[in-house]
């Protein structure tokens, strides 16, 4: 039976900038959209999840643009010769591992927007981000070495 264990994470890159196109006097409410994607790679007994996120855009009703790249490291156990185990591992990583990492992104975005002190703190919604990424084909599983 396949299993994963969360080991560590780090932010490889993040940026924040105020949206120069914002027309604050002409809007009643900010609109902040997000786009997430993930790549899953395997090496020995570890898996790496690289999540890329863009929060906000150049729309006139969006106050900022944040880009984040987060890498999560997971210990993995599975039977390399068992196709069912490999599929179970892929599912664990594309669902559970992404769900484990999402709160770190939410926290960083809240911290950045509060410390920027330009607008109210932005708190990202609690969401099943793995499901959204899967529905939009935004999860790429790199070839598993056997």
N, C-alpha and C. Protein backbone atom coordinates (compact mmCIF):
# COMPACT_ATOMS: atom_id res chain seq x y z
N UNK A 1 0.83 -1.17 0.00
CA UNK A 1 0.00 0.00 0.00
C UNK A 1 0.88 1.25 0.00
N UNK A 2 0.62 2.17 -0.91
CA UNK A 2 1.41 3.39 -1.04
C UNK A 2 1.12 4.33 0.13
N UNK A 3 2.15 5.09 0.51
CA UNK A 3 1.96 6.09 1.56
C UNK A 3 2.90 7.27 1.32
N UNK A 4 2.52 8.43 1.88
CA UNK A 4 3.35 9.62 1.79
C UNK A 4 3.51 10.20 3.19
N UNK A 5 4.61 10.90 3.39
CA UNK A 5 4.86 11.59 4.65
C UNK A 5 5.45 12.96 4.34
N UNK A 6 4.83 14.00 4.87
CA UNK A 6 5.29 15.36 4.62
C UNK A 6 6.62 15.58 5.32
N UNK A 7 7.60 16.05 4.57
CA UNK A 7 8.94 16.24 5.11
C UNK A 7 9.27 17.72 5.30
N UNK A 8 9.06 18.53 4.25
CA UNK A 8 9.48 19.93 4.33
C UNK A 8 8.88 20.72 3.17
N UNK A 9 9.01 22.01 3.24
CA UNK A 9 8.60 22.89 2.14
C UNK A 9 9.52 24.10 2.12
N UNK A 10 9.57 24.77 0.98
CA UNK A 10 10.25 26.06 0.90
C UNK A 10 9.67 26.88 -0.25
N UNK A 11 9.73 28.18 -0.07
CA UNK A 11 9.30 29.08 -1.12
C UNK A 11 10.51 29.37 -2.01
N UNK A 12 10.44 28.93 -3.23
CA UNK A 12 11.54 29.13 -4.17
C UNK A 12 11.52 30.53 -4.74
N UNK A 13 10.33 31.11 -4.82
CA UNK A 13 10.19 32.43 -5.41
C UNK A 13 8.86 33.01 -4.97
N UNK A 14 8.84 34.29 -4.69
CA UNK A 14 7.56 34.99 -4.53
C UNK A 14 7.77 36.46 -4.81
N UNK A 15 6.73 37.07 -5.35
CA UNK A 15 6.79 38.50 -5.65
C UNK A 15 5.41 39.12 -5.41
N UNK A 16 5.45 40.39 -5.08
CA UNK A 16 4.24 41.17 -4.85
C UNK A 16 4.42 42.50 -5.56
N UNK A 17 3.40 42.92 -6.25
CA UNK A 17 3.42 44.27 -6.80
C UNK A 17 2.01 44.81 -6.85
N UNK A 18 1.92 46.11 -6.66
CA UNK A 18 0.64 46.79 -6.76
C UNK A 18 0.26 46.84 -8.23
N UNK A 19 -1.00 46.62 -8.53
CA UNK A 19 -1.50 46.67 -9.89
C UNK A 19 -1.60 48.13 -10.33
N UNK A 20 -0.79 48.51 -11.27
CA UNK A 20 -0.78 49.89 -11.76
C UNK A 20 -2.06 50.24 -12.53
N UNK A 21 -2.80 49.24 -12.99
CA UNK A 21 -4.04 49.48 -13.73
C UNK A 21 -5.26 49.66 -12.83
N UNK A 22 -5.08 49.49 -11.52
CA UNK A 22 -6.19 49.58 -10.59
C UNK A 22 -6.84 50.97 -10.67
N UNK A 23 -8.15 50.96 -10.81
CA UNK A 23 -8.91 52.21 -10.82
C UNK A 23 -9.77 52.23 -9.56
N UNK A 24 -9.12 52.49 -8.45
CA UNK A 24 -9.76 52.36 -7.14
C UNK A 24 -10.97 53.27 -6.98
N UNK A 25 -10.96 54.42 -7.61
CA UNK A 25 -12.09 55.33 -7.46
C UNK A 25 -13.32 54.88 -8.26
N UNK A 26 -13.16 53.95 -9.20
CA UNK A 26 -14.26 53.49 -10.04
C UNK A 26 -14.82 52.12 -9.68
N UNK A 27 -14.32 51.52 -8.59
CA UNK A 27 -14.81 50.18 -8.25
C UNK A 27 -15.39 50.15 -6.84
N UNK A 28 -16.35 49.28 -6.65
CA UNK A 28 -16.96 49.10 -5.34
C UNK A 28 -16.32 47.95 -4.57
N UNK A 29 -15.78 46.99 -5.32
CA UNK A 29 -15.27 45.78 -4.69
C UNK A 29 -14.07 45.26 -5.48
N UNK A 30 -13.03 44.85 -4.75
CA UNK A 30 -11.87 44.24 -5.40
C UNK A 30 -12.24 42.84 -5.90
N UNK A 31 -11.67 42.47 -7.02
CA UNK A 31 -11.83 41.11 -7.55
C UNK A 31 -10.45 40.51 -7.73
N UNK A 32 -10.19 39.44 -7.01
CA UNK A 32 -8.89 38.79 -7.05
C UNK A 32 -9.07 37.36 -7.52
N UNK A 33 -8.56 37.08 -8.70
CA UNK A 33 -8.61 35.72 -9.24
C UNK A 33 -7.27 35.04 -9.01
N UNK A 34 -7.27 33.72 -9.05
CA UNK A 34 -6.02 33.00 -8.87
C UNK A 34 -5.91 31.87 -9.90
N UNK A 35 -4.67 31.53 -10.18
CA UNK A 35 -4.37 30.44 -11.11
C UNK A 35 -3.28 29.58 -10.47
N UNK A 36 -3.57 28.31 -10.29
CA UNK A 36 -2.64 27.37 -9.65
C UNK A 36 -2.28 26.26 -10.62
N UNK A 37 -1.04 25.80 -10.52
CA UNK A 37 -0.62 24.60 -11.24
C UNK A 37 0.41 23.87 -10.38
N UNK A 38 0.60 22.59 -10.67
CA UNK A 38 1.55 21.79 -9.89
C UNK A 38 2.25 20.78 -10.80
N UNK A 39 3.52 20.55 -10.47
CA UNK A 39 4.30 19.48 -11.09
C UNK A 39 4.72 18.54 -9.98
N UNK A 40 4.62 17.25 -10.25
CA UNK A 40 4.99 16.24 -9.27
C UNK A 40 6.12 15.41 -9.87
N UNK A 41 7.24 15.35 -9.16
CA UNK A 41 8.40 14.59 -9.63
C UNK A 41 8.84 13.61 -8.56
N UNK A 42 9.47 12.52 -8.99
CA UNK A 42 9.89 11.46 -8.08
C UNK A 42 11.39 11.25 -8.19
N UNK A 43 12.00 10.93 -7.06
CA UNK A 43 13.41 10.58 -7.04
C UNK A 43 13.66 9.68 -5.84
N UNK A 44 14.13 8.49 -6.08
CA UNK A 44 14.38 7.53 -5.01
C UNK A 44 13.12 7.36 -4.15
N UNK A 45 13.21 7.68 -2.87
CA UNK A 45 12.07 7.52 -1.96
C UNK A 45 11.44 8.85 -1.59
N UNK A 46 11.59 9.84 -2.47
CA UNK A 46 11.02 11.15 -2.22
C UNK A 46 10.25 11.65 -3.44
N UNK A 47 9.26 12.47 -3.15
CA UNK A 47 8.50 13.14 -4.20
C UNK A 47 8.58 14.63 -3.95
N UNK A 48 8.59 15.38 -5.03
CA UNK A 48 8.65 16.83 -4.96
C UNK A 48 7.42 17.40 -5.65
N UNK A 49 6.74 18.28 -4.97
CA UNK A 49 5.59 18.96 -5.55
C UNK A 49 6.01 20.42 -5.73
N UNK A 50 5.96 20.89 -6.95
CA UNK A 50 6.26 22.29 -7.23
C UNK A 50 4.95 22.96 -7.61
N UNK A 51 4.50 23.87 -6.75
CA UNK A 51 3.25 24.58 -6.99
C UNK A 51 3.57 26.00 -7.45
N UNK A 52 2.96 26.39 -8.56
CA UNK A 52 3.06 27.75 -9.08
C UNK A 52 1.70 28.41 -8.93
N UNK A 53 1.70 29.63 -8.43
CA UNK A 53 0.45 30.34 -8.21
C UNK A 53 0.57 31.78 -8.68
N UNK A 54 -0.44 32.24 -9.34
CA UNK A 54 -0.58 33.67 -9.61
C UNK A 54 -1.88 34.10 -8.97
N UNK A 55 -1.79 35.06 -8.08
CA UNK A 55 -2.95 35.56 -7.38
C UNK A 55 -3.10 37.02 -7.79
N UNK A 56 -4.21 37.34 -8.41
CA UNK A 56 -4.43 38.68 -8.92
C UNK A 56 -3.98 38.79 -10.36
N UNK A 57 -4.35 39.90 -11.00
CA UNK A 57 -3.97 40.14 -12.39
C UNK A 57 -4.03 41.64 -12.67
N UNK A 58 -3.84 42.01 -13.93
CA UNK A 58 -3.80 43.42 -14.32
C UNK A 58 -5.17 44.03 -14.55
N UNK A 59 -6.22 43.33 -14.15
CA UNK A 59 -7.58 43.85 -14.30
C UNK A 59 -7.74 45.14 -13.48
N UNK A 60 -8.61 46.02 -13.92
CA UNK A 60 -8.77 47.32 -13.25
C UNK A 60 -9.39 47.23 -11.86
N UNK A 61 -9.95 46.07 -11.50
CA UNK A 61 -10.57 45.91 -10.18
C UNK A 61 -9.75 45.04 -9.23
N UNK A 62 -8.53 44.71 -9.61
CA UNK A 62 -7.67 43.87 -8.78
C UNK A 62 -6.54 44.73 -8.20
N UNK A 63 -6.34 44.70 -6.88
CA UNK A 63 -5.37 45.61 -6.27
C UNK A 63 -3.90 45.21 -6.39
N UNK A 64 -3.61 43.94 -6.61
CA UNK A 64 -2.22 43.49 -6.59
C UNK A 64 -2.04 42.26 -7.45
N UNK A 65 -0.77 41.91 -7.65
CA UNK A 65 -0.41 40.68 -8.35
C UNK A 65 0.68 40.00 -7.52
N UNK A 66 0.41 38.77 -7.14
CA UNK A 66 1.36 37.99 -6.35
C UNK A 66 1.68 36.72 -7.13
N UNK A 67 2.95 36.42 -7.24
CA UNK A 67 3.40 35.17 -7.83
C UNK A 67 4.16 34.39 -6.77
N UNK A 68 3.85 33.10 -6.66
CA UNK A 68 4.46 32.24 -5.65
C UNK A 68 4.86 30.92 -6.29
N UNK A 69 6.04 30.46 -5.94
CA UNK A 69 6.47 29.11 -6.30
C UNK A 69 6.91 28.42 -5.02
N UNK A 70 6.22 27.34 -4.70
CA UNK A 70 6.45 26.59 -3.47
C UNK A 70 6.85 25.16 -3.83
N UNK A 71 7.87 24.65 -3.17
CA UNK A 71 8.26 23.25 -3.35
C UNK A 71 8.02 22.50 -2.04
N UNK A 72 7.31 21.39 -2.14
CA UNK A 72 7.09 20.52 -0.99
C UNK A 72 7.82 19.21 -1.20
N UNK A 73 8.38 18.68 -0.15
CA UNK A 73 9.11 17.41 -0.20
C UNK A 73 8.36 16.39 0.64
N UNK A 74 8.15 15.22 0.06
CA UNK A 74 7.42 14.15 0.74
C UNK A 74 8.21 12.86 0.66
N UNK A 75 8.28 12.14 1.77
CA UNK A 75 8.80 10.78 1.76
C UNK A 75 7.70 9.90 1.18
N UNK A 76 8.09 8.95 0.36
CA UNK A 76 7.11 8.06 -0.27
C UNK A 76 7.51 6.61 -0.07
N UNK A 77 6.49 5.77 0.04
CA UNK A 77 6.69 4.32 0.09
C UNK A 77 5.66 3.69 -0.84
N UNK A 78 6.13 2.79 -1.68
CA UNK A 78 5.24 2.09 -2.60
C UNK A 78 5.99 0.92 -3.21
N UNK A 79 5.22 -0.03 -3.74
CA UNK A 79 5.80 -1.18 -4.43
C UNK A 79 6.05 -0.78 -5.88
N UNK A 80 7.30 -0.70 -6.26
CA UNK A 80 7.67 -0.22 -7.60
C UNK A 80 7.16 -1.10 -8.74
N UNK A 81 6.88 -2.35 -8.45
CA UNK A 81 6.41 -3.27 -9.49
C UNK A 81 4.90 -3.46 -9.48
N UNK A 82 4.21 -2.71 -8.65
CA UNK A 82 2.77 -2.86 -8.51
C UNK A 82 2.06 -1.63 -9.11
N UNK A 83 1.43 -1.81 -10.26
CA UNK A 83 0.77 -0.69 -10.95
C UNK A 83 -0.31 -0.04 -10.09
N UNK A 84 -1.04 -0.85 -9.32
CA UNK A 84 -2.08 -0.30 -8.46
C UNK A 84 -1.46 0.60 -7.37
N UNK A 85 -0.33 0.19 -6.82
CA UNK A 85 0.37 0.98 -5.82
C UNK A 85 0.88 2.29 -6.41
N UNK A 86 1.38 2.23 -7.62
CA UNK A 86 1.87 3.44 -8.29
C UNK A 86 0.72 4.41 -8.54
N UNK A 87 -0.41 3.91 -8.97
CA UNK A 87 -1.58 4.78 -9.19
C UNK A 87 -2.07 5.37 -7.88
N UNK A 88 -2.05 4.57 -6.82
CA UNK A 88 -2.45 5.08 -5.50
C UNK A 88 -1.50 6.18 -5.04
N UNK A 89 -0.20 6.00 -5.27
CA UNK A 89 0.78 7.01 -4.91
C UNK A 89 0.53 8.31 -5.68
N UNK A 90 0.28 8.20 -6.97
CA UNK A 90 0.00 9.39 -7.78
C UNK A 90 -1.23 10.13 -7.26
N UNK A 91 -2.24 9.39 -6.87
CA UNK A 91 -3.46 10.00 -6.33
C UNK A 91 -3.19 10.68 -4.99
N UNK A 92 -2.43 10.03 -4.12
CA UNK A 92 -2.09 10.63 -2.83
C UNK A 92 -1.33 11.94 -3.02
N UNK A 93 -0.40 11.95 -3.96
CA UNK A 93 0.39 13.15 -4.19
C UNK A 93 -0.40 14.26 -4.87
N UNK A 94 -1.26 13.88 -5.81
CA UNK A 94 -2.01 14.92 -6.53
C UNK A 94 -3.21 15.43 -5.74
N UNK A 95 -3.60 14.74 -4.69
CA UNK A 95 -4.70 15.21 -3.84
C UNK A 95 -4.18 15.66 -2.47
N UNK A 96 -3.70 14.72 -1.70
CA UNK A 96 -3.33 14.99 -0.31
C UNK A 96 -2.12 15.91 -0.18
N UNK A 97 -1.08 15.67 -0.97
CA UNK A 97 0.13 16.49 -0.85
C UNK A 97 -0.17 17.94 -1.21
N UNK A 98 -0.94 18.16 -2.26
CA UNK A 98 -1.31 19.52 -2.64
C UNK A 98 -2.17 20.17 -1.55
N UNK A 99 -3.08 19.40 -0.97
CA UNK A 99 -3.91 19.92 0.12
C UNK A 99 -3.05 20.29 1.33
N UNK A 100 -2.00 19.57 1.58
CA UNK A 100 -1.10 19.87 2.70
C UNK A 100 -0.35 21.19 2.44
N UNK A 101 0.03 21.45 1.20
CA UNK A 101 0.83 22.63 0.88
C UNK A 101 0.02 23.92 0.75
N UNK A 102 -1.23 23.83 0.35
CA UNK A 102 -2.04 25.02 0.10
C UNK A 102 -2.11 26.00 1.29
N UNK A 103 -2.25 25.54 2.53
CA UNK A 103 -2.30 26.50 3.65
C UNK A 103 -1.04 27.35 3.80
N UNK A 104 0.12 26.84 3.38
CA UNK A 104 1.34 27.63 3.45
C UNK A 104 1.27 28.81 2.47
N UNK A 105 0.68 28.57 1.32
CA UNK A 105 0.49 29.65 0.34
C UNK A 105 -0.51 30.66 0.87
N UNK A 106 -1.62 30.18 1.42
CA UNK A 106 -2.64 31.08 1.99
C UNK A 106 -2.02 31.98 3.06
N UNK A 107 -1.21 31.39 3.91
CA UNK A 107 -0.58 32.15 4.99
C UNK A 107 0.38 33.21 4.45
N UNK A 108 1.20 32.84 3.47
CA UNK A 108 2.14 33.78 2.88
C UNK A 108 1.40 34.96 2.23
N UNK A 109 0.35 34.66 1.50
CA UNK A 109 -0.42 35.72 0.83
C UNK A 109 -1.03 36.67 1.86
N UNK A 110 -1.57 36.14 2.94
CA UNK A 110 -2.11 37.00 4.00
C UNK A 110 -1.01 37.87 4.61
N UNK A 111 0.15 37.26 4.89
CA UNK A 111 1.26 38.02 5.47
C UNK A 111 1.73 39.13 4.53
N UNK A 112 1.92 38.80 3.27
CA UNK A 112 2.42 39.79 2.31
C UNK A 112 1.43 40.95 2.18
N UNK A 113 0.15 40.64 2.03
CA UNK A 113 -0.82 41.71 1.83
C UNK A 113 -1.01 42.55 3.10
N UNK A 114 -0.86 41.95 4.26
CA UNK A 114 -0.98 42.75 5.49
C UNK A 114 0.23 43.66 5.67
N UNK A 115 1.41 43.14 5.37
CA UNK A 115 2.63 43.93 5.55
C UNK A 115 2.83 44.97 4.46
N UNK A 116 2.25 44.76 3.29
CA UNK A 116 2.34 45.76 2.22
C UNK A 116 1.60 47.02 2.64
N UNK A 117 0.55 46.86 3.45
CA UNK A 117 -0.18 47.97 4.05
C UNK A 117 -0.76 48.93 3.01
N UNK A 118 -1.05 48.43 1.82
CA UNK A 118 -1.64 49.25 0.77
C UNK A 118 -3.15 49.08 0.72
N UNK A 119 -3.61 47.88 1.05
CA UNK A 119 -5.03 47.53 1.00
C UNK A 119 -5.31 46.65 2.20
N UNK A 120 -6.57 46.30 2.40
CA UNK A 120 -6.90 45.36 3.47
C UNK A 120 -6.19 44.03 3.22
N UNK A 121 -5.90 43.32 4.31
CA UNK A 121 -5.30 42.00 4.20
C UNK A 121 -6.19 41.10 3.35
N UNK A 122 -5.58 40.41 2.41
CA UNK A 122 -6.33 39.49 1.56
C UNK A 122 -6.18 38.08 2.13
N UNK A 123 -7.30 37.46 2.45
CA UNK A 123 -7.30 36.08 2.95
C UNK A 123 -7.90 35.20 1.87
N UNK A 124 -7.09 34.31 1.36
CA UNK A 124 -7.55 33.40 0.32
C UNK A 124 -8.59 32.44 0.90
N UNK A 125 -9.56 32.06 0.09
CA UNK A 125 -10.60 31.17 0.61
C UNK A 125 -10.08 29.76 0.89
N UNK A 126 -10.73 29.10 1.82
CA UNK A 126 -10.47 27.68 2.02
C UNK A 126 -11.09 26.99 0.80
N UNK A 127 -10.31 26.19 0.13
CA UNK A 127 -10.79 25.57 -1.10
C UNK A 127 -10.12 24.23 -1.32
N UNK A 128 -10.77 23.39 -2.09
CA UNK A 128 -10.16 22.14 -2.51
C UNK A 128 -9.38 22.44 -3.78
N UNK A 129 -8.21 23.04 -3.59
CA UNK A 129 -7.41 23.52 -4.71
C UNK A 129 -6.94 22.37 -5.59
N UNK A 130 -6.70 21.21 -5.01
CA UNK A 130 -6.29 20.04 -5.79
C UNK A 130 -7.39 19.64 -6.77
N UNK A 131 -8.63 19.69 -6.32
CA UNK A 131 -9.76 19.36 -7.19
C UNK A 131 -9.86 20.36 -8.35
N UNK A 132 -9.72 21.64 -8.03
CA UNK A 132 -9.78 22.68 -9.06
C UNK A 132 -8.66 22.49 -10.09
N UNK A 133 -7.44 22.23 -9.60
CA UNK A 133 -6.32 22.01 -10.52
C UNK A 133 -6.54 20.77 -11.39
N UNK A 134 -7.05 19.72 -10.78
CA UNK A 134 -7.29 18.48 -11.52
C UNK A 134 -8.34 18.70 -12.61
N UNK A 135 -9.43 19.41 -12.27
CA UNK A 135 -10.49 19.69 -13.25
C UNK A 135 -10.00 20.54 -14.42
N UNK A 136 -8.99 21.36 -14.17
CA UNK A 136 -8.45 22.25 -15.20
C UNK A 136 -7.14 21.73 -15.81
N UNK A 137 -6.83 20.46 -15.58
CA UNK A 137 -5.61 19.84 -16.11
C UNK A 137 -4.36 20.64 -15.77
N UNK A 138 -4.25 21.05 -14.51
CA UNK A 138 -3.13 21.87 -14.06
C UNK A 138 -2.15 21.09 -13.19
N UNK A 139 -2.30 19.76 -13.16
CA UNK A 139 -1.37 18.91 -12.41
C UNK A 139 -0.62 18.05 -13.41
N UNK A 140 0.69 18.17 -13.40
CA UNK A 140 1.53 17.38 -14.29
C UNK A 140 2.35 16.40 -13.45
N UNK A 141 2.20 15.14 -13.74
CA UNK A 141 2.99 14.11 -13.04
C UNK A 141 4.10 13.70 -13.98
N UNK A 142 5.34 13.99 -13.53
CA UNK A 142 6.49 13.63 -14.35
C UNK A 142 6.74 12.15 -14.22
N UNK A 143 7.34 11.56 -15.18
CA UNK A 143 7.49 10.11 -15.26
C UNK A 143 8.16 9.53 -14.02
N UNK A 144 7.53 8.51 -13.47
CA UNK A 144 8.03 7.82 -12.29
C UNK A 144 9.13 6.85 -12.70
N UNK A 145 10.30 7.03 -12.10
CA UNK A 145 11.41 6.12 -12.39
C UNK A 145 11.26 4.86 -11.57
N UNK A 146 11.46 3.73 -12.23
CA UNK A 146 11.32 2.44 -11.52
C UNK A 146 12.64 1.77 -11.37
